[in-house]
């Protein structure tokens, strides 16, 4: 899930000097506080306990996280959490043979769980930088074919953000989120890596193509 206030990551004031690192156990309370501030979904204590240890709650699968800190103050100003999981058991059909994807070469996928940034750092390119680093991590993972996520259907800003960053909408899932007793639908968005496509495919939503084209993330 992405914070709606952060999703329109349009160019604004340049970002100050930032440092990026993996979440640590000592970050637990800060990570919990920021998630509760940024997102309408309430995550369990187990989610946070596992996340700061690099694991997905319930499955123990590897969790990739990245924290952005302001140089000098060490204030946590942004973060992204992503799950590295099996393509066949992730719960979403992401590779359709009718669409000519080489599914046998894509045994793993990266699922973006949360992405957000502090209010003073929004609309300045931080969300794009965090997403770019997530895509680079996925491209470095052997057998990973795509990065995907769910977006609540009313979050138009997040939808624009992901589409501007090369993600395509696959489908809608009814009653995916339950927030304050109300059910909400979501869209499944995906961005395929080069290895997921048959050679000769004209459409290219891959991270490597964007990087080679000199895409700007600030």
C-alpha atoms as a PDB file:
ATOM      1  CA  UNK A   1       0.000   0.000   0.000  1.00  0.00           C
ATOM      2  CA  UNK A   2       1.092   3.543  -0.715  1.00  0.00           C
ATOM      3  CA  UNK A   3       0.251   6.739   1.128  1.00  0.00           C
ATOM      4  CA  UNK A   4      -2.056   8.787  -1.114  1.00  0.00           C
ATOM      5  CA  UNK A   5      -0.441  12.053  -0.036  1.00  0.00           C
ATOM      6  CA  UNK A   6       2.910  10.759  -1.230  1.00  0.00           C
ATOM      7  CA  UNK A   7       1.814   9.157  -4.446  1.00  0.00           C
ATOM      8  CA  UNK A   8       1.986  12.111  -6.837  1.00  0.00           C
ATOM      9  CA  UNK A   9       5.774  12.189  -6.744  1.00  0.00           C
ATOM     10  CA  UNK A  10       6.070  15.236  -8.980  1.00  0.00           C
ATOM     11  CA  UNK A  11       9.180  17.356  -9.159  1.00  0.00           C
ATOM     12  CA  UNK A  12       9.464  19.899  -6.375  1.00  0.00           C
ATOM     13  CA  UNK A  13      12.326  21.140  -4.274  1.00  0.00           C
ATOM     14  CA  UNK A  14      15.415  18.947  -4.687  1.00  0.00           C
ATOM     15  CA  UNK A  15      15.923  16.270  -2.083  1.00  0.00           C
ATOM     16  CA  UNK A  16      18.533  16.973   0.579  1.00  0.00           C
ATOM     17  CA  UNK A  17      21.353  14.509   1.192  1.00  0.00           C
ATOM     18  CA  UNK A  18      19.898  11.145   2.201  1.00  0.00           C
ATOM     19  CA  UNK A  19      21.290   7.800   3.261  1.00  0.00           C
ATOM     20  CA  UNK A  20      19.658   4.448   2.473  1.00  0.00           C
ATOM     21  CA  UNK A  21      19.912   1.275   4.526  1.00  0.00           C
ATOM     22  CA  UNK A  22      18.052  -1.889   5.481  1.00  0.00           C
ATOM     23  CA  UNK A  23      15.618  -1.810   8.393  1.00  0.00           C
ATOM     24  CA  UNK A  24      17.059  -2.930  11.718  1.00  0.00           C
ATOM     25  CA  UNK A  25      15.538  -4.334  14.894  1.00  0.00           C
ATOM     26  CA  UNK A  26      16.002  -0.982  16.657  1.00  0.00           C
ATOM     27  CA  UNK A  27      13.743   0.631  14.033  1.00  0.00           C
ATOM     28  CA  UNK A  28      10.637  -1.244  15.186  1.00  0.00           C
ATOM     29  CA  UNK A  29       8.839   1.587  16.980  1.00  0.00           C
ATOM     30  CA  UNK A  30       9.716   4.191  14.350  1.00  0.00           C
ATOM     31  CA  UNK A  31       8.561   1.895  11.543  1.00  0.00           C
ATOM     32  CA  UNK A  32       5.313   1.115  13.358  1.00  0.00           C
ATOM     33  CA  UNK A  33       4.656   4.804  14.037  1.00  0.00           C
ATOM     34  CA  UNK A  34       5.242   5.820  10.424  1.00  0.00           C
ATOM     35  CA  UNK A  35       3.038   3.031   9.063  1.00  0.00           C
ATOM     36  CA  UNK A  36       0.209   4.062  11.377  1.00  0.00           C
ATOM     37  CA  UNK A  37       0.633   7.680  10.278  1.00  0.00           C
ATOM     38  CA  UNK A  38       0.837   6.971   6.551  1.00  0.00           C
ATOM     39  CA  UNK A  39      -1.492   4.041   5.825  1.00  0.00           C
ATOM     40  CA  UNK A  40      -5.183   3.306   6.552  1.00  0.00           C
ATOM     41  CA  UNK A  41      -4.481  -0.438   6.828  1.00  0.00           C
ATOM     42  CA  UNK A  42      -3.481  -1.560  10.324  1.00  0.00           C
ATOM     43  CA  UNK A  43      -0.683  -4.129  10.371  1.00  0.00           C
ATOM     44  CA  UNK A  44      -0.198  -6.637  13.179  1.00  0.00           C
ATOM     45  CA  UNK A  45       2.523  -6.518  15.811  1.00  0.00           C
ATOM     46  CA  UNK A  46       3.846  -9.708  14.240  1.00  0.00           C
ATOM     47  CA  UNK A  47       4.235  -7.937  10.902  1.00  0.00           C
ATOM     48  CA  UNK A  48       6.522  -5.299  12.411  1.00  0.00           C
ATOM     49  CA  UNK A  49       8.464  -7.787  14.537  1.00  0.00           C
ATOM     50  CA  UNK A  50       9.202  -9.905  11.469  1.00  0.00           C
ATOM     51  CA  UNK A  51       9.800  -7.002   9.080  1.00  0.00           C
ATOM     52  CA  UNK A  52      12.610  -5.425  11.077  1.00  0.00           C
ATOM     53  CA  UNK A  53      14.285  -8.850  11.042  1.00  0.00           C
ATOM     54  CA  UNK A  54      14.012  -9.148   7.283  1.00  0.00           C
ATOM     55  CA  UNK A  55      11.223 -11.740   7.286  1.00  0.00           C
ATOM     56  CA  UNK A  56       7.597 -11.921   6.199  1.00  0.00           C
ATOM     57  CA  UNK A  57       5.202 -12.647   9.046  1.00  0.00           C
ATOM     58  CA  UNK A  58       3.577 -16.062   8.784  1.00  0.00           C
ATOM     59  CA  UNK A  59       5.816 -17.449   6.041  1.00  0.00           C
ATOM     60  CA  UNK A  60       9.348 -16.520   7.074  1.00  0.00           C
ATOM     61  CA  UNK A  61      10.124 -15.585   3.472  1.00  0.00           C
ATOM     62  CA  UNK A  62      12.775 -12.974   2.802  1.00  0.00           C
ATOM     63  CA  UNK A  63      11.656  -9.370   3.150  1.00  0.00           C
ATOM     64  CA  UNK A  64      13.598  -6.643   1.382  1.00  0.00           C
ATOM     65  CA  UNK A  65      13.365  -3.281   3.116  1.00  0.00           C
ATOM     66  CA  UNK A  66      14.924   0.086   2.535  1.00  0.00           C
ATOM     67  CA  UNK A  67      14.911   3.060   4.898  1.00  0.00           C
ATOM     68  CA  UNK A  68      15.754   6.615   3.817  1.00  0.00           C
ATOM     69  CA  UNK A  69      17.383   8.790   6.472  1.00  0.00           C
ATOM     70  CA  UNK A  70      18.165  12.489   6.434  1.00  0.00           C
ATOM     71  CA  UNK A  71      21.895  12.984   6.691  1.00  0.00           C
ATOM     72  CA  UNK A  72      22.885  14.756   9.874  1.00  0.00           C
ATOM     73  CA  UNK A  73      19.687  14.125  11.861  1.00  0.00           C
ATOM     74  CA  UNK A  74      19.308  10.407  10.996  1.00  0.00           C
ATOM     75  CA  UNK A  75      15.557  11.010  10.883  1.00  0.00           C
ATOM     76  CA  UNK A  76      13.690   8.233   9.084  1.00  0.00           C
ATOM     77  CA  UNK A  77      11.958  10.043   6.209  1.00  0.00           C
ATOM     78  CA  UNK A  78      10.885   7.216   3.897  1.00  0.00           C
ATOM     79  CA  UNK A  79      10.764   3.463   3.559  1.00  0.00           C
ATOM     80  CA  UNK A  80       9.716   0.599   1.335  1.00  0.00           C
ATOM     81  CA  UNK A  81       9.077  -3.032   2.249  1.00  0.00           C
ATOM     82  CA  UNK A  82       9.013  -5.775  -0.372  1.00  0.00           C
ATOM     83  CA  UNK A  83       8.490  -9.526  -0.137  1.00  0.00           C
ATOM     84  CA  UNK A  84      10.536 -11.962  -2.225  1.00  0.00           C
ATOM     85  CA  UNK A  85       8.191 -14.844  -2.897  1.00  0.00           C
ATOM     86  CA  UNK A  86       7.426 -17.806  -5.157  1.00  0.00           C
ATOM     87  CA  UNK A  87       5.549 -16.910  -8.351  1.00  0.00           C
ATOM     88  CA  UNK A  88       3.325 -19.986  -8.117  1.00  0.00           C
ATOM     89  CA  UNK A  89       2.224 -19.430  -4.529  1.00  0.00           C
ATOM     90  CA  UNK A  90       2.087 -15.622  -4.295  1.00  0.00           C
ATOM     91  CA  UNK A  91      -1.708 -15.599  -4.594  1.00  0.00           C
ATOM     92  CA  UNK A  92      -1.895 -13.640  -7.866  1.00  0.00           C
ATOM     93  CA  UNK A  93      -1.747 -14.910 -11.441  1.00  0.00           C
ATOM     94  CA  UNK A  94       0.990 -12.711 -12.906  1.00  0.00           C
ATOM     95  CA  UNK A  95       2.234 -14.679 -15.930  1.00  0.00           C
ATOM     96  CA  UNK A  96      -0.345 -15.588 -18.544  1.00  0.00           C
ATOM     97  CA  UNK A  97       0.925 -17.786 -21.435  1.00  0.00           C
ATOM     98  CA  UNK A  98      -1.541 -16.022 -23.715  1.00  0.00           C
ATOM     99  CA  UNK A  99       0.446 -12.843 -23.150  1.00  0.00           C
ATOM    100  CA  UNK A 100       3.700 -14.532 -24.224  1.00  0.00           C
ATOM    101  CA  UNK A 101       5.560 -14.311 -20.944  1.00  0.00           C
ATOM    102  CA  UNK A 102       8.349 -16.802 -20.284  1.00  0.00           C
ATOM    103  CA  UNK A 103       6.921 -18.034 -17.002  1.00  0.00           C
ATOM    104  CA  UNK A 104       9.317 -20.974 -16.726  1.00  0.00           C
ATOM    105  CA  UNK A 105      12.171 -18.486 -16.358  1.00  0.00           C
ATOM    106  CA  UNK A 106      10.322 -16.477 -13.709  1.00  0.00           C
ATOM    107  CA  UNK A 107      10.057 -18.568 -10.579  1.00  0.00           C
ATOM    108  CA  UNK A 108      10.099 -15.653  -8.139  1.00  0.00           C
ATOM    109  CA  UNK A 109       8.400 -12.272  -7.843  1.00  0.00           C
ATOM    110  CA  UNK A 110       8.795  -9.191  -5.673  1.00  0.00           C
ATOM    111  CA  UNK A 111       5.679  -7.904  -3.941  1.00  0.00           C
ATOM    112  CA  UNK A 112       5.651  -4.301  -2.712  1.00  0.00           C
ATOM    113  CA  UNK A 113       3.949  -4.272   0.677  1.00  0.00           C
ATOM    114  CA  UNK A 114       4.334  -0.639   1.736  1.00  0.00           C
ATOM    115  CA  UNK A 115       5.919   2.508   0.311  1.00  0.00           C
ATOM    116  CA  UNK A 116       5.786   5.939   1.909  1.00  0.00           C
ATOM    117  CA  UNK A 117       7.652   9.073   2.946  1.00  0.00           C
ATOM    118  CA  UNK A 118       7.426  11.845   5.521  1.00  0.00           C
ATOM    119  CA  UNK A 119       5.308  14.906   4.789  1.00  0.00           C
ATOM    120  CA  UNK A 120       8.309  17.238   4.296  1.00  0.00           C
ATOM    121  CA  UNK A 121       9.760  14.872   1.672  1.00  0.00           C
ATOM    122  CA  UNK A 122       6.688  14.262  -0.443  1.00  0.00           C
ATOM    123  CA  UNK A 123       6.450  15.295  -4.092  1.00  0.00           C
ATOM    124  CA  UNK A 124      10.227  15.603  -4.219  1.00  0.00           C
ATOM    125  CA  UNK A 125      11.140  12.302  -5.856  1.00  0.00           C
ATOM    126  CA  UNK A 126      11.778  10.177  -2.767  1.00  0.00           C
ATOM    127  CA  UNK A 127       9.033   7.658  -3.542  1.00  0.00           C
ATOM    128  CA  UNK A 128      10.420   7.257  -7.074  1.00  0.00           C
ATOM    129  CA  UNK A 129      13.925   6.716  -5.716  1.00  0.00           C
ATOM    130  CA  UNK A 130      12.719   4.070  -3.275  1.00  0.00           C
ATOM    131  CA  UNK A 131      10.773   2.327  -6.036  1.00  0.00           C
ATOM    132  CA  UNK A 132      13.760   2.483  -8.387  1.00  0.00           C
ATOM    133  CA  UNK A 133      15.953   0.780  -5.794  1.00  0.00           C
ATOM    134  CA  UNK A 134      13.284  -1.850  -5.271  1.00  0.00           C
ATOM    135  CA  UNK A 135      13.245  -2.540  -9.021  1.00  0.00           C
ATOM    136  CA  UNK A 136      17.025  -2.806  -9.078  1.00  0.00           C
ATOM    137  CA  UNK A 137      16.903  -5.291  -6.214  1.00  0.00           C
ATOM    138  CA  UNK A 138      14.344  -7.376  -8.109  1.00  0.00           C
ATOM    139  CA  UNK A 139      16.478  -7.324 -11.272  1.00  0.00           C
ATOM    140  CA  UNK A 140      19.425  -8.658  -9.244  1.00  0.00           C
ATOM    141  CA  UNK A 141      17.356 -11.557  -7.882  1.00  0.00           C
ATOM    142  CA  UNK A 142      17.860 -14.753  -9.960  1.00  0.00           C
ATOM    143  CA  UNK A 143      14.602 -15.975 -11.443  1.00  0.00           C
ATOM    144  CA  UNK A 144      12.593 -12.874 -10.517  1.00  0.00           C
ATOM    145  CA  UNK A 145      10.213 -11.931 -13.298  1.00  0.00           C
ATOM    146  CA  UNK A 146       8.351  -8.898 -12.019  1.00  0.00           C
ATOM    147  CA  UNK A 147       7.514  -6.477  -9.261  1.00  0.00           C
ATOM    148  CA  UNK A 148       3.842  -6.221  -8.370  1.00  0.00           C
ATOM    149  CA  UNK A 149       1.529  -4.655  -5.806  1.00  0.00           C
ATOM    150  CA  UNK A 150      -2.059  -3.885  -4.867  1.00  0.00           C
ATOM    151  CA  UNK A 151      -3.534  -0.374  -4.968  1.00  0.00           C
ATOM    152  CA  UNK A 152      -6.860   0.504  -3.358  1.00  0.00           C
ATOM    153  CA  UNK A 153      -9.131   1.644  -6.176  1.00  0.00           C
ATOM    154  CA  UNK A 154      -9.876   5.118  -4.795  1.00  0.00           C
ATOM    155  CA  UNK A 155      -6.179   6.080  -4.537  1.00  0.00           C
ATOM    156  CA  UNK A 156      -5.971   7.907  -7.870  1.00  0.00           C
ATOM    157  CA  UNK A 157      -2.661   9.541  -6.967  1.00  0.00           C
ATOM    158  CA  UNK A 158      -0.970   6.199  -6.292  1.00  0.00           C
ATOM    159  CA  UNK A 159      -2.387   4.818  -9.537  1.00  0.00           C
ATOM    160  CA  UNK A 160      -0.913   7.740 -11.498  1.00  0.00           C
ATOM    161  CA  UNK A 161       2.416   7.289  -9.719  1.00  0.00           C
ATOM    162  CA  UNK A 162       2.768   3.600 -10.542  1.00  0.00           C
ATOM    163  CA  UNK A 163       1.579   3.993 -14.121  1.00  0.00           C
ATOM    164  CA  UNK A 164       4.105   6.820 -14.606  1.00  0.00           C
ATOM    165  CA  UNK A 165       6.766   4.408 -13.344  1.00  0.00           C
ATOM    166  CA  UNK A 166       5.971   1.715 -15.903  1.00  0.00           C
ATOM    167  CA  UNK A 167       3.451  -0.445 -14.026  1.00  0.00           C
ATOM    168  CA  UNK A 168       0.434  -1.855 -15.860  1.00  0.00           C
ATOM    169  CA  UNK A 169      -2.956  -2.772 -14.415  1.00  0.00           C
ATOM    170  CA  UNK A 170      -3.816  -6.475 -14.573  1.00  0.00           C
ATOM    171  CA  UNK A 171      -7.149  -6.783 -12.809  1.00  0.00           C
ATOM    172  CA  UNK A 172      -9.468  -5.641 -10.045  1.00  0.00           C
ATOM    173  CA  UNK A 173     -10.078  -7.679  -6.892  1.00  0.00           C
ATOM    174  CA  UNK A 174     -13.270  -7.027  -4.971  1.00  0.00           C
ATOM    175  CA  UNK A 175     -13.258  -6.761  -1.160  1.00  0.00           C
ATOM    176  CA  UNK A 176      -9.472  -6.985  -0.890  1.00  0.00           C
ATOM    177  CA  UNK A 177      -9.026  -4.424   1.892  1.00  0.00           C
ATOM    178  CA  UNK A 178     -11.107  -4.107   5.032  1.00  0.00           C
ATOM    179  CA  UNK A 179     -10.668  -0.710   6.698  1.00  0.00           C
ATOM    180  CA  UNK A 180     -12.732   0.380   9.689  1.00  0.00           C
ATOM    181  CA  UNK A 181     -15.286  -2.309   8.962  1.00  0.00           C
ATOM    182  CA  UNK A 182     -15.710  -1.367   5.291  1.00  0.00           C
ATOM    183  CA  UNK A 183     -14.585  -3.510   2.347  1.00  0.00           C
ATOM    184  CA  UNK A 184     -12.670  -1.925  -0.546  1.00  0.00           C
ATOM    185  CA  UNK A 185     -11.564  -3.247  -3.918  1.00  0.00           C
ATOM    186  CA  UNK A 186      -8.005  -3.058  -5.208  1.00  0.00           C
ATOM    187  CA  UNK A 187      -6.181  -3.128  -8.516  1.00  0.00           C
ATOM    188  CA  UNK A 188      -3.235  -5.436  -9.190  1.00  0.00           C
ATOM    189  CA  UNK A 189      -0.355  -3.552 -10.827  1.00  0.00           C
ATOM    190  CA  UNK A 190       2.776  -5.187 -12.235  1.00  0.00           C
ATOM    191  CA  UNK A 191       6.025  -4.237 -13.907  1.00  0.00           C
ATOM    192  CA  UNK A 192       7.822  -7.010 -15.781  1.00  0.00           C
ATOM    193  CA  UNK A 193      11.563  -7.427 -15.992  1.00  0.00           C
ATOM    194  CA  UNK A 194      13.374  -8.148 -19.258  1.00  0.00           C
ATOM    195  CA  UNK A 195      13.699 -11.849 -18.490  1.00  0.00           C
ATOM    196  CA  UNK A 196       9.897 -12.216 -18.285  1.00  0.00           C
ATOM    197  CA  UNK A 197       9.302 -11.303 -21.921  1.00  0.00           C
ATOM    198  CA  UNK A 198       9.723 -13.334 -25.064  1.00  0.00           C
ATOM    199  CA  UNK A 199      12.360 -11.812 -27.373  1.00  0.00           C
ATOM    200  CA  UNK A 200      10.750  -9.504 -29.906  1.00  0.00           C
ATOM    201  CA  UNK A 201       7.919  -8.264 -27.717  1.00  0.00           C
ATOM    202  CA  UNK A 202       7.238  -4.668 -28.753  1.00  0.00           C
ATOM    203  CA  UNK A 203       5.926  -3.430 -25.428  1.00  0.00           C
ATOM    204  CA  UNK A 204       8.617  -2.999 -22.784  1.00  0.00           C
ATOM    205  CA  UNK A 205       7.809  -2.080 -19.190  1.00  0.00           C
ATOM    206  CA  UNK A 206      11.099  -3.379 -17.800  1.00  0.00           C
ATOM    207  CA  UNK A 207      13.304  -1.649 -15.280  1.00  0.00           C
ATOM    208  CA  UNK A 208      16.418  -2.097 -17.375  1.00  0.00           C
ATOM    209  CA  UNK A 209      14.892  -0.411 -20.407  1.00  0.00           C
ATOM    210  CA  UNK A 210      13.886   2.605 -18.325  1.00  0.00           C
ATOM    211  CA  UNK A 211      17.330   2.868 -16.765  1.00  0.00           C
ATOM    212  CA  UNK A 212      19.032   2.694 -20.149  1.00  0.00           C
ATOM    213  CA  UNK A 213      16.683   5.347 -21.467  1.00  0.00           C
ATOM    214  CA  UNK A 214      17.927   7.690 -18.759  1.00  0.00           C
ATOM    215  CA  UNK A 215      14.667   7.920 -16.816  1.00  0.00           C
ATOM    216  CA  UNK A 216      14.765  10.552 -14.095  1.00  0.00           C
ATOM    217  CA  UNK A 217      13.660   9.600 -10.589  1.00  0.00           C
ATOM    218  CA  UNK A 218      13.889  13.071  -8.993  1.00  0.00           C
END
